Amino acid sequence: MKQTTASTAILERIDDAAMLAQVQAWSAVNTGTANLAGLAQQASMLAEAFAVLPGKIELVDPAPVTAIDAAGREVERQHGQHMVLRVRPQANRRILLTGHMDTVFPADHPFQSTRWLEEGVLGGPGVADMKGGIAVILHALMAFEEHPDAGALGYDVLINSDEETGSLASAALIADLARGKLAALTFEPSALPDGTLAHARGGSGNYAVTIRGRSAHAGRNPQDGRNAIVAAADLALRLKRYQNDAISVNPARIDGGSGNNVVPDLAILRFNVRPRTSEAGLAFEAALAEMIAAIAREHEVSAHIHGGVTRPPKPVDAAAQRLFDLVRRCGEELGQKIAWQSSGGVCDGNNIAACGVPVVDTMGVRGGAIHSSDEYLITASLAERAALCALVLGRIAAGDMN
């Protein structure tokens, strides 16, 4: 499809050099999910950058989140503030745009700076996942605000601080902002470097099972002990055997134990599940309860479950498919080929879809090798995706989602 005058004008409003400069500046700040100082600095930088848009910016405190430590204690996990921008809250048609400022790279990780891998390819922490995506949100909205129908569409922008660890400190905020929205766009990097979007997604849940047994001397009276490590290992094997076509289960770590001459009285088994449907997630919860009861009975230990499925599966219904089709049509108008495929990964798009809101959740940049020291951004995609998003917003403002 040939570009129209409107789409050409949108392209001309995108300042790709400014976008690249922002990505480089933001990536220079370490924002590992646990680096509260870095996240605070990043939130301040983002609030200043997004202040060019109309509306009100707020830094929202994270919700309380607990985790199980290596000693089996439930402890509070600290998170950074989330940035929220609200524009035209009284508009009849409103949408949600989301991204995240945190990365998987902690403050002591060696991957801390950007470097050019080749012309047009920038390597660096978070350049694709997803500081590049945040730049896309900002510049798409700057371009959209010049659209003749901009006043007909309101929007909220959420940049949270904890997506990489499951958005537990922002899940309630996501649900609150998603409520009543016509549609949502999330700016995770594309599923493939060619720009392919993620379509349907499975769900995800993280668990920690704390098992308490009884310590004893491994030589003098081992029969008096109740080995928590053995019980945890038994549970891990049962979990792996439970895996089927509808759900994958990954026992990931066992904490606990002490000296070789002591029967261990504590173990914490940590594992992840990926249900492909909501029914599979519910079936797993029931099966896990049965496994825990069997472990407690057969090993004479106690067991406590912490966690659960926090990213529901994301099927694509008719309303969501209409949004995907709109994105594809806008891509065609801009000379961008838009395709999609199902994904086993999860993101905030799962949470948004669970609220009944149509969402396309890989509107961010093209790049790859995310979550590794080889992460890279294809810099031409900054302007490409900003133009795509701005055109989609213009179509929604004009009533294409009604």
Protein backbone atom coordinates (compact mmCIF):
# COMPACT_ATOMS: atom_id res chain seq x y z
CA MET A 1 0.00 0.00 0.00
CA LYS A 2 1.36 3.45 -0.92
CA GLN A 3 2.03 5.94 1.80
CA THR A 4 -0.60 8.64 2.15
CA THR A 5 0.11 12.31 2.76
CA ALA A 6 -0.81 11.79 6.43
CA SER A 7 1.60 8.88 6.92
CA THR A 8 4.40 10.76 5.15
CA ALA A 9 3.83 13.69 7.49
CA ILE A 10 4.07 11.37 10.47
CA LEU A 11 7.39 10.03 9.24
CA GLU A 12 8.71 13.55 8.85
CA ARG A 13 7.91 14.33 12.49
CA ILE A 14 10.04 11.47 13.84
CA ASP A 15 13.47 12.62 14.97
CA ASP A 16 15.52 9.43 14.82
CA ALA A 17 18.73 11.14 15.98
CA ALA A 18 16.99 12.38 19.14
CA MET A 19 15.56 8.91 19.73
CA LEU A 20 18.99 7.30 19.44
CA ALA A 21 20.55 9.86 21.78
CA GLN A 22 17.88 9.15 24.40
CA VAL A 23 18.38 5.39 24.16
CA GLN A 24 22.12 5.81 24.63
CA ALA A 25 21.63 8.11 27.63
CA TRP A 26 19.04 5.84 29.25
CA SER A 27 21.11 2.71 28.67
CA ALA A 28 24.03 4.35 30.45
CA VAL A 29 21.98 4.14 33.67
CA ASN A 30 21.95 0.68 35.23
CA THR A 31 18.36 -0.27 35.96
CA GLY A 32 18.54 -3.85 37.12
CA THR A 33 15.26 -4.55 38.87
CA ALA A 34 16.93 -4.53 42.30
CA ASN A 35 18.97 -1.36 41.66
CA LEU A 36 16.68 1.14 43.37
CA ALA A 37 19.06 4.09 42.96
CA GLY A 38 19.42 3.45 39.23
CA LEU A 39 15.67 3.06 38.81
CA ALA A 40 15.04 6.32 40.66
CA GLN A 41 17.49 8.11 38.36
CA GLN A 42 15.86 6.56 35.31
CA ALA A 43 12.35 7.45 36.48
CA SER A 44 13.41 11.06 36.90
CA MET A 45 14.93 11.13 33.40
CA LEU A 46 11.78 9.63 31.91
CA ALA A 47 9.50 12.05 33.74
CA GLU A 48 11.51 14.94 32.33
CA ALA A 49 11.44 13.49 28.80
CA PHE A 50 7.70 12.73 28.81
CA ALA A 51 6.89 16.19 30.17
CA VAL A 52 6.80 17.45 26.56
CA LEU A 53 3.42 15.72 26.25
CA PRO A 54 0.17 17.16 27.59
CA GLY A 55 -1.21 15.63 30.74
CA LYS A 56 -0.07 14.81 34.24
CA ILE A 57 2.97 12.71 35.20
CA GLU A 58 3.06 10.80 38.48
CA LEU A 59 5.64 8.53 40.09
CA VAL A 60 3.67 5.74 41.76
CA ASP A 61 5.02 3.72 44.67
CA PRO A 62 5.33 -0.04 44.09
CA ALA A 63 2.88 -2.44 45.69
CA PRO A 64 4.31 -4.66 48.47
CA VAL A 65 5.86 -7.90 47.24
CA THR A 66 7.27 -10.78 49.27
CA ALA A 67 9.67 -13.57 48.42
CA ILE A 68 11.16 -16.60 50.18
CA ASP A 69 14.81 -16.19 51.08
CA ALA A 70 17.44 -18.94 51.33
CA ALA A 71 16.56 -19.45 55.00
CA GLY A 72 12.92 -20.11 54.19
CA ARG A 73 11.71 -16.78 55.52
CA GLU A 74 9.11 -14.64 53.77
CA VAL A 75 10.74 -11.26 53.25
CA GLU A 76 9.68 -8.07 51.51
CA ARG A 77 11.28 -7.41 48.13
CA GLN A 78 11.92 -3.76 47.34
CA HIS A 79 11.08 -2.21 43.96
CA GLY A 80 11.34 1.16 42.29
CA GLN A 81 8.58 3.63 41.51
CA HIS A 82 6.51 3.38 38.33
CA MET A 83 5.97 6.34 35.99
CA VAL A 84 2.42 7.10 34.86
CA LEU A 85 1.33 9.77 32.38
CA ARG A 86 -2.39 10.52 31.96
CA VAL A 87 -3.52 12.51 28.92
CA ARG A 88 -7.13 13.55 28.28
CA PRO A 89 -8.63 11.34 31.00
CA GLN A 90 -12.14 12.53 30.15
CA ALA A 91 -11.99 11.44 26.51
CA ASN A 92 -14.63 8.93 25.37
CA ARG A 93 -12.01 6.77 23.68
CA ARG A 94 -8.91 5.95 25.73
CA ILE A 95 -6.03 3.53 25.26
CA LEU A 96 -3.07 2.29 27.32
CA LEU A 97 0.59 2.24 26.31
CA THR A 98 3.05 0.34 28.50
CA GLY A 99 6.75 -0.26 28.82
CA HIS A 100 9.31 -0.99 31.51
CA MET A 101 12.46 0.76 32.67
CA ASP A 102 14.09 -2.20 34.43
CA THR A 103 16.54 -4.65 32.85
CA VAL A 104 17.90 -8.07 33.80
CA PHE A 105 21.42 -6.70 34.32
CA PRO A 106 22.26 -5.92 37.99
CA ALA A 107 24.59 -3.12 39.03
CA ASP A 108 27.56 -5.49 39.33
CA HIS A 109 27.04 -7.10 35.90
CA PRO A 110 29.93 -6.51 33.45
CA PHE A 111 27.52 -5.47 30.65
CA GLN A 112 27.06 -1.77 31.41
CA SER A 113 27.71 0.30 28.29
CA THR A 114 26.69 0.64 24.66
CA ARG A 115 28.95 -0.02 21.70
CA TRP A 116 28.51 -0.07 17.94
CA LEU A 117 28.58 -3.63 16.63
CA GLU A 118 28.33 -2.48 13.03
CA GLU A 119 26.75 0.41 11.18
CA GLY A 120 23.14 0.69 12.31
CA VAL A 121 23.45 -1.95 15.03
CA LEU A 122 23.95 -0.75 18.61
CA GLY A 123 24.78 -3.18 21.39
CA GLY A 124 24.06 -2.38 25.02
CA PRO A 125 22.08 -3.26 28.14
CA GLY A 126 18.38 -2.65 27.58
CA VAL A 127 18.77 -1.02 24.16
CA ALA A 128 16.12 -3.36 22.79
CA ASP A 129 14.46 -4.56 25.99
CA MET A 130 13.28 -1.97 26.35
CA LYS A 131 14.77 1.49 26.50
CA GLY A 132 14.45 1.57 22.73
CA GLY A 133 10.78 0.76 23.21
CA ILE A 134 10.34 3.65 25.64
CA ALA A 135 11.80 6.02 23.04
CA VAL A 136 9.29 4.64 20.53
CA ILE A 137 6.41 5.41 22.91
CA LEU A 138 7.58 8.96 23.53
CA HIS A 139 8.24 9.93 19.92
CA ALA A 140 5.13 8.19 18.60
CA LEU A 141 3.03 10.21 21.03
CA MET A 142 4.86 13.43 20.13
CA ALA A 143 4.02 12.81 16.48
CA PHE A 144 0.44 11.76 17.27
CA GLU A 145 -0.22 14.98 19.19
CA GLU A 146 0.08 16.79 15.84
CA HIS A 147 -2.62 14.58 14.31
CA PRO A 148 -5.91 16.39 13.54
CA ASP A 149 -7.89 13.79 15.50
CA ALA A 150 -5.59 13.69 18.52
CA GLY A 151 -8.09 15.47 20.74
CA ALA A 152 -10.56 12.60 20.30
CA LEU A 153 -8.28 10.05 21.97
CA GLY A 154 -7.04 9.96 25.54
CA TYR A 155 -4.30 7.70 26.78
CA ASP A 156 -2.38 6.53 29.81
CA VAL A 157 1.30 5.63 29.66
CA LEU A 158 2.79 3.26 32.23
CA ILE A 159 6.53 2.64 32.48
CA ASN A 160 6.93 0.17 35.34
CA SER A 161 10.04 -0.81 37.26
CA ASP A 162 9.59 -4.55 37.71
CA GLU A 163 8.50 -6.20 34.46
CA GLU A 164 11.60 -8.39 34.27
CA THR A 165 10.69 -10.10 37.56
CA GLY A 166 7.00 -10.55 36.79
CA SER A 167 5.42 -7.13 37.47
CA LEU A 168 4.25 -8.20 40.91
CA ALA A 169 4.77 -4.67 42.25
CA SER A 170 2.82 -3.15 39.36
CA ALA A 171 0.17 -5.77 38.54
CA ALA A 172 -2.60 -3.93 40.37
CA LEU A 173 -1.60 -0.67 38.69
CA ILE A 174 -1.65 -2.33 35.26
CA ALA A 175 -5.14 -3.69 35.95
CA ASP A 176 -6.35 -0.30 37.16
CA LEU A 177 -5.00 1.53 34.12
CA ALA A 178 -6.30 -1.13 31.70
CA ARG A 179 -9.86 -0.85 33.03
CA GLY A 180 -12.20 0.62 30.44
CA LYS A 181 -9.57 1.02 27.74
CA LEU A 182 -10.46 0.52 24.09
CA ALA A 183 -7.09 -1.07 23.32
CA ALA A 184 -3.50 -1.31 24.56
CA LEU A 185 -0.03 -1.29 23.01
CA THR A 186 3.01 -2.65 24.81
CA PHE A 187 6.52 -1.95 23.58
CA GLU A 188 8.51 -5.10 24.14
CA PRO A 189 10.98 -5.68 21.28
CA SER A 190 9.68 -7.53 18.26
CA ALA A 191 9.56 -11.30 18.50
CA LEU A 192 12.12 -11.61 15.67
CA PRO A 193 14.70 -9.15 14.30
CA ASP A 194 12.60 -8.78 11.13
CA GLY A 195 9.82 -7.11 13.13
CA THR A 196 7.52 -10.10 13.58
CA LEU A 197 5.02 -9.51 16.40
CA ALA A 198 4.21 -11.93 19.20
CA HIS A 199 0.60 -13.13 18.81
CA ALA A 200 -0.93 -15.54 21.35
CA ARG A 201 1.14 -16.22 24.47
CA GLY A 202 1.14 -18.86 27.18
CA GLY A 203 1.15 -17.92 30.85
CA SER A 204 3.81 -18.08 33.53
CA GLY A 205 4.04 -18.69 37.25
CA ASN A 206 6.89 -18.82 39.75
CA TYR A 207 6.77 -20.86 42.93
CA ALA A 208 8.89 -21.49 46.00
CA VAL A 209 8.01 -24.54 48.12
CA THR A 210 9.58 -24.45 51.57
CA ILE A 211 10.07 -27.94 53.00
CA ARG A 212 10.93 -28.43 56.66
CA GLY A 213 12.11 -31.77 57.99
CA ARG A 214 14.15 -32.72 61.06
CA SER A 215 17.91 -32.53 61.49
CA ALA A 216 19.98 -35.41 62.88
CA HIS A 217 23.56 -36.69 62.85
CA ALA A 218 24.24 -38.38 59.52
CA GLY A 219 26.32 -41.11 61.21
CA ARG A 220 24.96 -41.65 64.72
CA ASN A 221 21.19 -41.43 64.21
CA PRO A 222 20.23 -40.68 60.61
CA GLN A 223 17.00 -42.61 61.12
CA ASP A 224 15.77 -39.84 63.42
CA GLY A 225 16.16 -37.22 60.70
CA ARG A 226 13.70 -36.20 58.02
CA ASN A 227 15.69 -35.14 54.97
CA ALA A 228 14.21 -31.97 53.43
CA ILE A 229 16.60 -32.04 50.48
CA VAL A 230 15.48 -35.55 49.51
CA ALA A 231 11.85 -34.48 49.81
CA ALA A 232 12.52 -31.45 47.63
CA ALA A 233 14.29 -33.59 45.05
CA ASP A 234 11.35 -36.01 45.03
CA LEU A 235 8.97 -33.10 44.46
CA ALA A 236 11.17 -31.76 41.65
CA LEU A 237 11.00 -35.13 39.86
CA ARG A 238 7.23 -35.32 40.28
CA LEU A 239 6.86 -31.82 38.88
CA LYS A 240 8.96 -32.64 35.84
CA ARG A 241 6.98 -35.82 35.22
CA TYR A 242 3.76 -33.78 35.37
CA GLN A 243 4.80 -31.74 32.31
CA ASN A 244 2.52 -32.26 29.31
CA ASP A 245 1.45 -30.63 26.06
CA ALA A 246 -0.63 -28.06 27.95
CA ILE A 247 2.02 -26.96 30.46
CA SER A 248 5.79 -26.96 30.88
CA VAL A 249 7.39 -27.20 34.32
CA ASN A 250 10.96 -26.19 35.09
CA PRO A 251 12.39 -27.07 38.53
CA ALA A 252 15.14 -24.44 38.68
CA ARG A 253 16.87 -24.45 42.07
CA ILE A 254 17.01 -26.10 45.49
CA ASP A 255 18.32 -24.07 48.43
CA GLY A 256 19.10 -25.61 51.82
CA GLY A 257 21.28 -28.09 53.62
CA SER A 258 24.43 -27.60 55.65
CA GLY A 259 27.34 -29.92 56.47
CA ASN A 260 27.69 -33.35 54.89
CA ASN A 261 27.31 -34.95 58.31
CA VAL A 262 23.92 -33.35 59.05
CA VAL A 263 20.54 -34.56 57.80
CA PRO A 264 19.15 -31.33 56.29
CA ASP A 265 15.98 -30.01 57.85
CA LEU A 266 15.31 -27.24 55.33
CA ALA A 267 15.00 -27.03 51.55
CA ILE A 268 13.41 -24.50 49.24
CA LEU A 269 12.48 -25.73 45.77
CA ARG A 270 12.00 -22.96 43.21
CA PHE A 271 10.32 -23.66 39.89
CA ASN A 272 8.54 -22.04 36.95
CA VAL A 273 5.44 -23.22 35.11
CA ARG A 274 4.19 -22.17 31.67
CA PRO A 275 0.51 -23.05 31.16
CA ARG A 276 -0.71 -22.67 27.61
CA THR A 277 -4.31 -22.22 28.71
CA SER A 278 -6.07 -21.01 31.84
CA GLU A 279 -7.55 -24.50 32.29
CA ALA A 280 -4.04 -25.99 32.33
CA GLY A 281 -3.04 -23.55 35.06
CA LEU A 282 -6.01 -24.49 37.22
CA ALA A 283 -5.35 -28.20 36.70
CA PHE A 284 -1.75 -27.71 37.76
CA GLU A 285 -2.76 -25.96 40.98
CA ALA A 286 -4.87 -28.96 41.94
CA ALA A 287 -2.12 -31.42 40.98
CA LEU A 288 0.48 -29.44 42.95
CA ALA A 289 -1.65 -29.60 46.08
CA GLU A 290 -1.85 -33.38 45.70
CA MET A 291 1.91 -33.65 45.16
CA ILE A 292 2.62 -31.54 48.23
CA ALA A 293 0.32 -33.70 50.35
CA ALA A 294 2.04 -36.86 49.12
CA ILE A 295 5.51 -35.44 49.80
CA ALA A 296 4.53 -34.39 53.31
CA ARG A 297 3.02 -37.80 54.06
CA GLU A 298 5.73 -39.99 52.54
CA HIS A 299 8.73 -38.02 53.82
CA GLU A 300 7.16 -36.87 57.10
CA VAL A 301 7.92 -33.23 56.40
CA SER A 302 5.91 -30.02 56.18
CA ALA A 303 5.67 -27.95 53.00
CA HIS A 304 4.49 -24.41 52.31
CA ILE A 305 3.77 -22.97 48.85
CA HIS A 306 4.62 -19.38 47.95
CA GLY A 307 3.78 -17.89 44.55
CA GLY A 308 1.54 -18.90 41.69
CA VAL A 309 0.62 -18.11 38.10
CA THR A 310 0.89 -14.32 37.83
CA ARG A 311 0.98 -13.99 34.03
CA PRO A 312 -2.24 -15.57 32.68
CA PRO A 313 -2.18 -17.08 29.19
CA LYS A 314 -2.95 -14.56 26.45
CA PRO A 315 -5.20 -15.97 23.72
CA VAL A 316 -6.06 -13.74 20.77
CA ASP A 317 -9.80 -13.20 20.49
CA ALA A 318 -11.71 -11.41 17.72
CA ALA A 319 -11.22 -7.96 19.25
CA ALA A 320 -7.49 -8.49 19.67
CA GLN A 321 -7.23 -9.79 16.10
CA ARG A 322 -8.87 -6.61 14.83
CA LEU A 323 -6.11 -4.64 16.55
CA PHE A 324 -3.43 -6.86 14.99
CA ASP A 325 -5.04 -6.36 11.59
CA LEU A 326 -5.06 -2.59 12.12
CA VAL A 327 -1.35 -2.65 12.95
CA ARG A 328 -0.69 -4.67 9.80
CA ARG A 329 -2.65 -2.24 7.61
CA CYS A 330 -0.76 0.69 9.07
CA GLY A 331 2.51 -1.14 8.48
CA GLU A 332 1.59 -1.68 4.84
CA GLU A 333 0.88 2.01 4.45
CA LEU A 334 4.37 2.77 5.77
CA GLY A 335 6.03 0.12 3.64
CA GLN A 336 6.59 -2.18 6.64
CA LYS A 337 5.68 -5.84 6.40
CA ILE A 338 3.98 -6.89 9.65
CA ALA A 339 3.65 -10.58 10.51
CA TRP A 340 3.06 -12.39 13.79
CA GLN A 341 3.58 -15.74 15.49
CA SER A 342 2.72 -17.33 18.84
CA SER A 343 5.26 -17.01 21.63
CA GLY A 344 6.18 -18.95 24.74
CA GLY A 345 7.42 -15.77 26.40
CA VAL A 346 5.34 -13.56 28.66
CA CYS A 347 5.10 -9.84 29.40
CA ASP A 348 2.70 -7.18 30.67
CA GLY A 349 0.56 -7.89 27.62
CA ASN A 350 -0.57 -11.06 29.41
CA ASN A 351 -1.83 -9.00 32.34
CA ILE A 352 -3.57 -6.50 30.08
CA ALA A 353 -5.31 -9.20 28.02
CA ALA A 354 -6.56 -10.80 31.24
CA CYS A 355 -8.48 -7.55 31.84
CA GLY A 356 -10.36 -8.10 28.57
CA VAL A 357 -8.50 -5.37 26.68
CA PRO A 358 -7.18 -6.05 23.14
CA VAL A 359 -3.39 -5.68 23.13
CA VAL A 360 -0.46 -5.91 20.74
CA ASP A 361 2.57 -6.30 22.98
CA THR A 362 5.64 -6.25 20.72
CA MET A 363 5.37 -2.77 19.25
CA GLY A 364 8.94 -2.00 20.28
CA VAL A 365 12.15 -1.96 18.30
CA ARG A 366 13.73 -4.61 16.14
CA GLY A 367 16.77 -6.19 17.74
CA GLY A 368 17.79 -9.40 19.45
CA ALA A 369 19.86 -11.40 21.96
CA ILE A 370 17.88 -9.81 24.79
CA HIS A 371 18.73 -10.83 28.35
CA SER A 372 22.33 -11.47 27.27
CA SER A 373 25.53 -9.48 26.90
CA ASP A 374 24.99 -9.64 23.14
CA GLU A 375 21.76 -7.61 23.22
CA TYR A 376 21.46 -5.28 20.23
CA LEU A 377 19.18 -2.69 18.65
CA ILE A 378 18.68 -2.16 14.92
CA THR A 379 18.66 1.63 15.06
CA ALA A 380 16.58 2.17 11.90
CA SER A 381 13.68 0.53 13.73
CA LEU A 382 13.41 3.41 16.20
CA ALA A 383 11.82 5.71 13.62
CA GLU A 384 10.04 2.79 11.89
CA ARG A 385 8.20 1.70 15.00
CA ALA A 386 7.48 5.24 16.19
CA ALA A 387 5.84 6.00 12.84
CA LEU A 388 3.91 2.72 12.99
CA CYS A 389 2.60 3.45 16.46
CA ALA A 390 1.73 7.06 15.62
CA LEU A 391 -0.25 5.94 12.58
CA VAL A 392 -2.08 3.26 14.62
CA LEU A 393 -3.00 5.90 17.20
CA GLY A 394 -4.27 8.17 14.46
CA ARG A 395 -6.47 5.41 13.07
CA ILE A 396 -7.87 4.61 16.53
CA ALA A 397 -8.54 8.32 17.14
CA ALA A 398 -10.42 8.42 13.86
CA GLY A 399 -12.64 5.52 14.97
CA ASP A 400 -11.05 2.47 13.35
CA MET A 401 -11.43 0.45 16.58
CA ASN A 402 -15.13 1.22 17.03
